[in-house]
Amino acid sequence: MKELVEVIAKALVDNPDDVVVTEHEDAKGTVVELHVAADDMGKVIGKQGRIAKAIRSVVKAAASKEDKKVIVEIMQ
C-alpha cells in the first residue's frame, strides 16, 4: 500500500521529491502516513477533502482485496 500512496501523491504535487510515505502496524491495522511539502498540502487534500477521500477510497479498495485494513493519514 505504501507504493500505491506514493505513486498517487507524486503525481499530484509540484515537489515530488518532498513526498515521504511511511507505513507501520497499529492496533487498528496498517497505518500509512503521507508527508508532503507545505505548499502541496492543498493539492493532496483538495477542495473539501475530495482528493484525500479519493486516495483513501483507492487504498481501501486495494486493501480489501488482501483482506487488510489500511488507514491513510496525511501529515505536513
PDB file of N, CA and C in Angstrom:
ATOM      1  N   MET A   1       0.814  -1.191   0.000  1.00  0.00           N
ATOM      2  CA  MET A   1       0.000   0.000   0.000  1.00  0.00           C
ATOM      3  C   MET A   1       0.866   1.268   0.000  1.00  0.00           C
ATOM      4  N   LYS A   2       2.025   1.154   0.596  1.00  0.00           N
ATOM      5  CA  LYS A   2       2.945   2.300   0.661  1.00  0.00           C
ATOM      6  C   LYS A   2       3.281   2.804  -0.737  1.00  0.00           C
ATOM      7  N   GLU A   3       3.568   1.876  -1.640  1.00  0.00           N
ATOM      8  CA  GLU A   3       3.938   2.255  -3.009  1.00  0.00           C
ATOM      9  C   GLU A   3       2.773   2.901  -3.742  1.00  0.00           C
ATOM     10  N   LEU A   4       1.573   2.400  -3.518  1.00  0.00           N
ATOM     11  CA  LEU A   4       0.382   2.954  -4.167  1.00  0.00           C
ATOM     12  C   LEU A   4       0.158   4.406  -3.757  1.00  0.00           C
ATOM     13  N   VAL A   5       0.243   4.676  -2.464  1.00  0.00           N
ATOM     14  CA  VAL A   5       0.056   6.043  -1.966  1.00  0.00           C
ATOM     15  C   VAL A   5       1.149   6.962  -2.510  1.00  0.00           C
ATOM     16  N   GLU A   6       2.369   6.438  -2.565  1.00  0.00           N
ATOM     17  CA  GLU A   6       3.494   7.244  -3.045  1.00  0.00           C
ATOM     18  C   GLU A   6       3.324   7.623  -4.515  1.00  0.00           C
ATOM     19  N   VAL A   7       2.904   6.694  -5.338  1.00  0.00           N
ATOM     20  CA  VAL A   7       2.697   6.968  -6.768  1.00  0.00           C
ATOM     21  C   VAL A   7       1.592   8.004  -6.975  1.00  0.00           C
ATOM     22  N   ILE A   8       0.499   7.852  -6.255  1.00  0.00           N
ATOM     23  CA  ILE A   8      -0.621   8.795  -6.380  1.00  0.00           C
ATOM     24  C   ILE A   8      -0.191  10.193  -5.936  1.00  0.00           C
ATOM     25  N   ALA A   9       0.470  10.274  -4.796  1.00  0.00           N
ATOM     26  CA  ALA A   9       0.866  11.576  -4.245  1.00  0.00           C
ATOM     27  C   ALA A   9       1.872  12.279  -5.150  1.00  0.00           C
ATOM     28  N   LYS A  10       2.850  11.548  -5.662  1.00  0.00           N
ATOM     29  CA  LYS A  10       3.861  12.172  -6.523  1.00  0.00           C
ATOM     30  C   LYS A  10       3.258  12.702  -7.812  1.00  0.00           C
ATOM     31  N   ALA A  11       2.186  12.080  -8.279  1.00  0.00           N
ATOM     32  CA  ALA A  11       1.518  12.557  -9.488  1.00  0.00           C
ATOM     33  C   ALA A  11       0.743  13.849  -9.233  1.00  0.00           C
ATOM     34  N   LEU A  12       0.346  14.087  -7.987  1.00  0.00           N
ATOM     35  CA  LEU A  12      -0.479  15.252  -7.664  1.00  0.00           C
ATOM     36  C   LEU A  12       0.318  16.511  -7.344  1.00  0.00           C
ATOM     37  N   VAL A  13       1.483  16.367  -6.741  1.00  0.00           N
ATOM     38  CA  VAL A  13       2.193  17.513  -6.166  1.00  0.00           C
ATOM     39  C   VAL A  13       3.171  18.153  -7.149  1.00  0.00           C
ATOM     40  N   ASP A  14       3.598  19.390  -6.801  1.00  0.00           N
ATOM     41  CA  ASP A  14       4.596  20.094  -7.596  1.00  0.00           C
ATOM     42  C   ASP A  14       6.018  19.682  -7.215  1.00  0.00           C
ATOM     43  N   ASN A  15       6.199  19.236  -5.967  1.00  0.00           N
ATOM     44  CA  ASN A  15       7.520  18.830  -5.473  1.00  0.00           C
ATOM     45  C   ASN A  15       7.517  17.343  -5.139  1.00  0.00           C
ATOM     46  N   PRO A  16       7.612  16.471  -6.145  1.00  0.00           N
ATOM     47  CA  PRO A  16       7.540  15.034  -5.853  1.00  0.00           C
ATOM     48  C   PRO A  16       8.713  14.515  -5.017  1.00  0.00           C
ATOM     49  N   ASP A  17       9.827  15.251  -4.988  1.00  0.00           N
ATOM     50  CA  ASP A  17      10.964  14.811  -4.184  1.00  0.00           C
ATOM     51  C   ASP A  17      10.694  14.955  -2.689  1.00  0.00           C
ATOM     52  N   ASP A  18       9.732  15.803  -2.318  1.00  0.00           N
ATOM     53  CA  ASP A  18       9.409  16.033  -0.911  1.00  0.00           C
ATOM     54  C   ASP A  18       8.372  15.046  -0.375  1.00  0.00           C
ATOM     55  N   VAL A  19       7.875  14.153  -1.217  1.00  0.00           N
ATOM     56  CA  VAL A  19       6.875  13.184  -0.780  1.00  0.00           C
ATOM     57  C   VAL A  19       7.568  12.044  -0.033  1.00  0.00           C
ATOM     58  N   VAL A  20       7.127  11.813   1.203  1.00  0.00           N
ATOM     59  CA  VAL A  20       7.663  10.720   2.011  1.00  0.00           C
ATOM     60  C   VAL A  20       6.483   9.914   2.540  1.00  0.00           C
ATOM     61  N   VAL A  21       6.527   8.605   2.322  1.00  0.00           N
ATOM     62  CA  VAL A  21       5.452   7.729   2.779  1.00  0.00           C
ATOM     63  C   VAL A  21       6.046   6.703   3.739  1.00  0.00           C
ATOM     64  N   THR A  22       5.463   6.612   4.924  1.00  0.00           N
ATOM     65  CA  THR A  22       5.894   5.614   5.899  1.00  0.00           C
ATOM     66  C   THR A  22       4.707   4.718   6.229  1.00  0.00           C
ATOM     67  N   GLU A  23       5.035   3.493   6.641  1.00  0.00           N
ATOM     68  CA  GLU A  23       3.992   2.515   6.915  1.00  0.00           C
ATOM     69  C   GLU A  23       4.338   1.788   8.203  1.00  0.00           C
ATOM     70  N   HIS A  24       3.359   1.656   9.096  1.00  0.00           N
ATOM     71  CA  HIS A  24       3.582   0.879  10.310  1.00  0.00           C
ATOM     72  C   HIS A  24       2.285   0.216  10.758  1.00  0.00           C
ATOM     73  N   GLU A  25       2.442  -0.836  11.549  1.00  0.00           N
ATOM     74  CA  GLU A  25       1.289  -1.575  12.057  1.00  0.00           C
ATOM     75  C   GLU A  25       0.769  -0.909  13.321  1.00  0.00           C
ATOM     76  N   ASP A  26      -0.533  -0.953  13.485  1.00  0.00           N
ATOM     77  CA  ASP A  26      -1.201  -0.358  14.632  1.00  0.00           C
ATOM     78  C   ASP A  26      -2.237  -1.376  15.128  1.00  0.00           C
ATOM     79  N   ALA A  27      -2.850  -1.085  16.237  1.00  0.00           N
ATOM     80  CA  ALA A  27      -3.906  -1.963  16.747  1.00  0.00           C
ATOM     81  C   ALA A  27      -5.099  -1.997  15.791  1.00  0.00           C
ATOM     82  N   LYS A  28      -5.318  -0.897  15.067  1.00  0.00           N
ATOM     83  CA  LYS A  28      -6.432  -0.800  14.128  1.00  0.00           C
ATOM     84  C   LYS A  28      -6.125  -1.441  12.778  1.00  0.00           C
ATOM     85  N   GLY A  29      -4.856  -1.603  12.447  1.00  0.00           N
ATOM     86  CA  GLY A  29      -4.454  -2.151  11.159  1.00  0.00           C
ATOM     87  C   GLY A  29      -3.170  -1.489  10.705  1.00  0.00           C
ATOM     88  N   THR A  30      -2.985  -1.412   9.415  1.00  0.00           N
ATOM     89  CA  THR A  30      -1.805  -0.773   8.847  1.00  0.00           C
ATOM     90  C   THR A  30      -2.071   0.712   8.680  1.00  0.00           C
ATOM     91  N   VAL A  31      -1.143   1.538   9.160  1.00  0.00           N
ATOM     92  CA  VAL A  31      -1.270   2.987   9.042  1.00  0.00           C
ATOM     93  C   VAL A  31      -0.226   3.474   8.041  1.00  0.00           C
ATOM     94  N   VAL A  32      -0.683   4.163   7.011  1.00  0.00           N
ATOM     95  CA  VAL A  32       0.203   4.741   6.007  1.00  0.00           C
ATOM     96  C   VAL A  32       0.191   6.250   6.212  1.00  0.00           C
ATOM     97  N   GLU A  33       1.361   6.808   6.507  1.00  0.00           N
ATOM     98  CA  GLU A  33       1.482   8.251   6.721  1.00  0.00           C
ATOM     99  C   GLU A  33       2.091   8.887   5.481  1.00  0.00           C
ATOM    100  N   LEU A  34       1.417   9.902   4.967  1.00  0.00           N
ATOM    101  CA  LEU A  34       1.862  10.627   3.783  1.00  0.00           C
ATOM    102  C   LEU A  34       2.341  12.008   4.212  1.00  0.00           C
ATOM    103  N   HIS A  35       3.602  12.288   3.974  1.00  0.00           N
ATOM    104  CA  HIS A  35       4.189  13.594   4.287  1.00  0.00           C
ATOM    105  C   HIS A  35       4.485  14.310   2.973  1.00  0.00           C
ATOM    106  N   VAL A  36       3.985  15.541   2.833  1.00  0.00           N
ATOM    107  CA  VAL A  36       4.240  16.349   1.640  1.00  0.00           C
ATOM    108  C   VAL A  36       4.698  17.736   2.073  1.00  0.00           C
ATOM    109  N   ALA A  37       5.235  18.496   1.117  1.00  0.00           N
ATOM    110  CA  ALA A  37       5.658  19.865   1.398  1.00  0.00           C
ATOM    111  C   ALA A  37       4.430  20.711   1.748  1.00  0.00           C
ATOM    112  N   ALA A  38       4.656  21.753   2.532  1.00  0.00           N
ATOM    113  CA  ALA A  38       3.561  22.617   2.972  1.00  0.00           C
ATOM    114  C   ALA A  38       2.812  23.230   1.785  1.00  0.00           C
ATOM    115  N   ASP A  39       3.536  23.555   0.720  1.00  0.00           N
ATOM    116  CA  ASP A  39       2.906  24.156  -0.457  1.00  0.00           C
ATOM    117  C   ASP A  39       1.985  23.175  -1.189  1.00  0.00           C
ATOM    118  N   ASP A  40       2.214  21.885  -1.006  1.00  0.00           N
ATOM    119  CA  ASP A  40       1.453  20.873  -1.730  1.00  0.00           C
ATOM    120  C   ASP A  40       0.293  20.283  -0.930  1.00  0.00           C
ATOM    121  N   MET A  41       0.102  20.724   0.303  1.00  0.00           N
ATOM    122  CA  MET A  41      -0.970  20.171   1.126  1.00  0.00           C
ATOM    123  C   MET A  41      -2.338  20.345   0.468  1.00  0.00           C
ATOM    124  N   GLY A  42      -2.579  21.505  -0.100  1.00  0.00           N
ATOM    125  CA  GLY A  42      -3.858  21.767  -0.746  1.00  0.00           C
ATOM    126  C   GLY A  42      -4.119  20.863  -1.931  1.00  0.00           C
ATOM    127  N   LYS A  43      -3.073  20.533  -2.652  1.00  0.00           N
ATOM    128  CA  LYS A  43      -3.219  19.659  -3.821  1.00  0.00           C
ATOM    129  C   LYS A  43      -3.548  18.230  -3.405  1.00  0.00           C
ATOM    130  N   VAL A  44      -3.023  17.794  -2.284  1.00  0.00           N
ATOM    131  CA  VAL A  44      -3.259  16.432  -1.825  1.00  0.00           C
ATOM    132  C   VAL A  44      -4.615  16.317  -1.127  1.00  0.00           C
ATOM    133  N   ILE A  45      -5.031  17.376  -0.441  1.00  0.00           N
ATOM    134  CA  ILE A  45      -6.306  17.326   0.271  1.00  0.00           C
ATOM    135  C   ILE A  45      -7.466  17.663  -0.667  1.00  0.00           C
ATOM    136  N   GLY A  46      -7.305  18.680  -1.492  1.00  0.00           N
ATOM    137  CA  GLY A  46      -8.361  19.056  -2.432  1.00  0.00           C
ATOM    138  C   GLY A  46      -9.463  19.856  -1.766  1.00  0.00           C
ATOM    139  N   LYS A  47     -10.356  20.375  -2.592  1.00  0.00           N
ATOM    140  CA  LYS A  47     -11.481  21.158  -2.069  1.00  0.00           C
ATOM    141  C   LYS A  47     -12.391  20.247  -1.260  1.00  0.00           C
ATOM    142  N   GLN A  48     -12.654  20.671  -0.033  1.00  0.00           N
ATOM    143  CA  GLN A  48     -13.496  19.943   0.912  1.00  0.00           C
ATOM    144  C   GLN A  48     -13.022  18.507   1.130  1.00  0.00           C
ATOM    145  N   GLY A  49     -11.714  18.268   0.921  1.00  0.00           N
ATOM    146  CA  GLY A  49     -11.135  16.958   1.185  1.00  0.00           C
ATOM    147  C   GLY A  49     -11.453  15.887   0.163  1.00  0.00           C
ATOM    148  N   ARG A  50     -11.869  16.307  -1.016  1.00  0.00           N
ATOM    149  CA  ARG A  50     -12.291  15.333  -2.033  1.00  0.00           C
ATOM    150  C   ARG A  50     -11.143  14.453  -2.522  1.00  0.00           C
ATOM    151  N   ILE A  51      -9.973  15.039  -2.753  1.00  0.00           N
ATOM    152  CA  ILE A  51      -8.849  14.253  -3.252  1.00  0.00           C
ATOM    153  C   ILE A  51      -8.352  13.308  -2.167  1.00  0.00           C
ATOM    154  N   ALA A  52      -8.281  13.787  -0.932  1.00  0.00           N
ATOM    155  CA  ALA A  52      -7.873  12.922   0.182  1.00  0.00           C
ATOM    156  C   ALA A  52      -8.841  11.754   0.325  1.00  0.00           C
ATOM    157  N   LYS A  53     -10.115  12.025   0.186  1.00  0.00           N
ATOM    158  CA  LYS A  53     -11.125  10.969   0.286  1.00  0.00           C
ATOM    159  C   LYS A  53     -10.965   9.964  -0.853  1.00  0.00           C
ATOM    160  N   ALA A  54     -10.649  10.460  -2.044  1.00  0.00           N
ATOM    161  CA  ALA A  54     -10.451   9.577  -3.192  1.00  0.00           C
ATOM    162  C   ALA A  54      -9.217   8.691  -2.999  1.00  0.00           C
ATOM    163  N   ILE A  55      -8.140   9.264  -2.466  1.00  0.00           N
ATOM    164  CA  ILE A  55      -6.928   8.478  -2.191  1.00  0.00           C
ATOM    165  C   ILE A  55      -7.263   7.370  -1.193  1.00  0.00           C
ATOM    166  N   ARG A  56      -7.971   7.730  -0.139  1.00  0.00           N
ATOM    167  CA  ARG A  56      -8.341   6.738   0.877  1.00  0.00           C
ATOM    168  C   ARG A  56      -9.237   5.653   0.288  1.00  0.00           C
ATOM    169  N   SER A  57     -10.132   6.019  -0.625  1.00  0.00           N
ATOM    170  CA  SER A  57     -11.028   5.041  -1.241  1.00  0.00           C
ATOM    171  C   SER A  57     -10.257   4.051  -2.106  1.00  0.00           C
ATOM    172  N   VAL A  58      -9.305   4.545  -2.871  1.00  0.00           N
ATOM    173  CA  VAL A  58      -8.496   3.672  -3.732  1.00  0.00           C
ATOM    174  C   VAL A  58      -7.672   2.711  -2.877  1.00  0.00           C
ATOM    175  N   VAL A  59      -7.063   3.230  -1.818  1.00  0.00           N
ATOM    176  CA  VAL A  59      -6.250   2.387  -0.943  1.00  0.00           C
ATOM    177  C   VAL A  59      -7.132   1.360  -0.232  1.00  0.00           C
ATOM    178  N   LYS A  60      -8.312   1.778   0.195  1.00  0.00           N
ATOM    179  CA  LYS A  60      -9.220   0.853   0.871  1.00  0.00           C
ATOM    180  C   LYS A  60      -9.651  -0.271  -0.072  1.00  0.00           C
ATOM    181  N   ALA A  61      -9.901   0.061  -1.323  1.00  0.00           N
ATOM    182  CA  ALA A  61     -10.287  -0.954  -2.300  1.00  0.00           C
ATOM    183  C   ALA A  61      -9.151  -1.936  -2.551  1.00  0.00           C
ATOM    184  N   ALA A  62      -7.932  -1.410  -2.658  1.00  0.00           N
ATOM    185  CA  ALA A  62      -6.770  -2.282  -2.871  1.00  0.00           C
ATOM    186  C   ALA A  62      -6.518  -3.157  -1.643  1.00  0.00           C
ATOM    187  N   ALA A  63      -6.735  -2.614  -0.463  1.00  0.00           N
ATOM    188  CA  ALA A  63      -6.504  -3.370   0.769  1.00  0.00           C
ATOM    189  C   ALA A  63      -7.571  -4.444   0.974  1.00  0.00           C
ATOM    190  N   SER A  64      -8.782  -4.178   0.523  1.00  0.00           N
ATOM    191  CA  SER A  64      -9.852  -5.157   0.714  1.00  0.00           C
ATOM    192  C   SER A  64      -9.604  -6.424  -0.098  1.00  0.00           C
ATOM    193  N   LYS A  65      -8.868  -6.306  -1.198  1.00  0.00           N
ATOM    194  CA  LYS A  65      -8.509  -7.494  -1.973  1.00  0.00           C
ATOM    195  C   LYS A  65      -7.597  -8.420  -1.171  1.00  0.00           C
ATOM    196  N   GLU A  66      -6.806  -7.828  -0.290  1.00  0.00           N
ATOM    197  CA  GLU A  66      -5.879  -8.606   0.536  1.00  0.00           C
ATOM    198  C   GLU A  66      -6.433  -8.841   1.943  1.00  0.00           C
ATOM    199  N   ASP A  67      -7.698  -8.514   2.168  1.00  0.00           N
ATOM    200  CA  ASP A  67      -8.345  -8.645   3.484  1.00  0.00           C
ATOM    201  C   ASP A  67      -7.565  -7.928   4.577  1.00  0.00           C
ATOM    202  N   LYS A  68      -7.117  -6.713   4.294  1.00  0.00           N
ATOM    203  CA  LYS A  68      -6.389  -5.898   5.263  1.00  0.00           C
ATOM    204  C   LYS A  68      -7.167  -4.623   5.529  1.00  0.00           C
ATOM    205  N   LYS A  69      -6.864  -3.988   6.649  1.00  0.00           N
ATOM    206  CA  LYS A  69      -7.418  -2.675   6.944  1.00  0.00           C
ATOM    207  C   LYS A  69      -6.275  -1.678   6.903  1.00  0.00           C
ATOM    208  N   VAL A  70      -6.390  -0.681   6.048  1.00  0.00           N
ATOM    209  CA  VAL A  70      -5.326   0.321   5.874  1.00  0.00           C
ATOM    210  C   VAL A  70      -5.926   1.702   6.123  1.00  0.00           C
ATOM    211  N   ILE A  71      -5.227   2.489   6.934  1.00  0.00           N
ATOM    212  CA  ILE A  71      -5.632   3.845   7.244  1.00  0.00           C
ATOM    213  C   ILE A  71      -4.596   4.795   6.643  1.00  0.00           C
ATOM    214  N   VAL A  72      -5.046   5.781   5.879  1.00  0.00           N
ATOM    215  CA  VAL A  72      -4.135   6.768   5.282  1.00  0.00           C
ATOM    216  C   VAL A  72      -4.245   8.067   6.075  1.00  0.00           C
ATOM    217  N   GLU A  73      -3.112   8.525   6.582  1.00  0.00           N
ATOM    218  CA  GLU A  73      -3.065   9.788   7.296  1.00  0.00           C
ATOM    219  C   GLU A  73      -2.181  10.753   6.528  1.00  0.00           C
ATOM    220  N   ILE A  74      -2.684  11.950   6.294  1.00  0.00           N
ATOM    221  CA  ILE A  74      -1.926  12.958   5.553  1.00  0.00           C
ATOM    222  C   ILE A  74      -1.313  13.918   6.559  1.00  0.00           C
ATOM    223  N   MET A  75       0.016  13.996   6.557  1.00  0.00           N
ATOM    224  CA  MET A  75       0.758  14.807   7.515  1.00  0.00           C
ATOM    225  C   MET A  75       1.497  15.933   6.782  1.00  0.00           C
ATOM    226  N   GLN A  76       1.899  16.927   7.546  1.00  0.00           N
ATOM    227  CA  GLN A  76       2.685  18.012   6.958  1.00  0.00           C
ATOM    228  C   GLN A  76       4.121  17.893   7.369  1.00  0.00           C
TER     229      GLN A  76
END
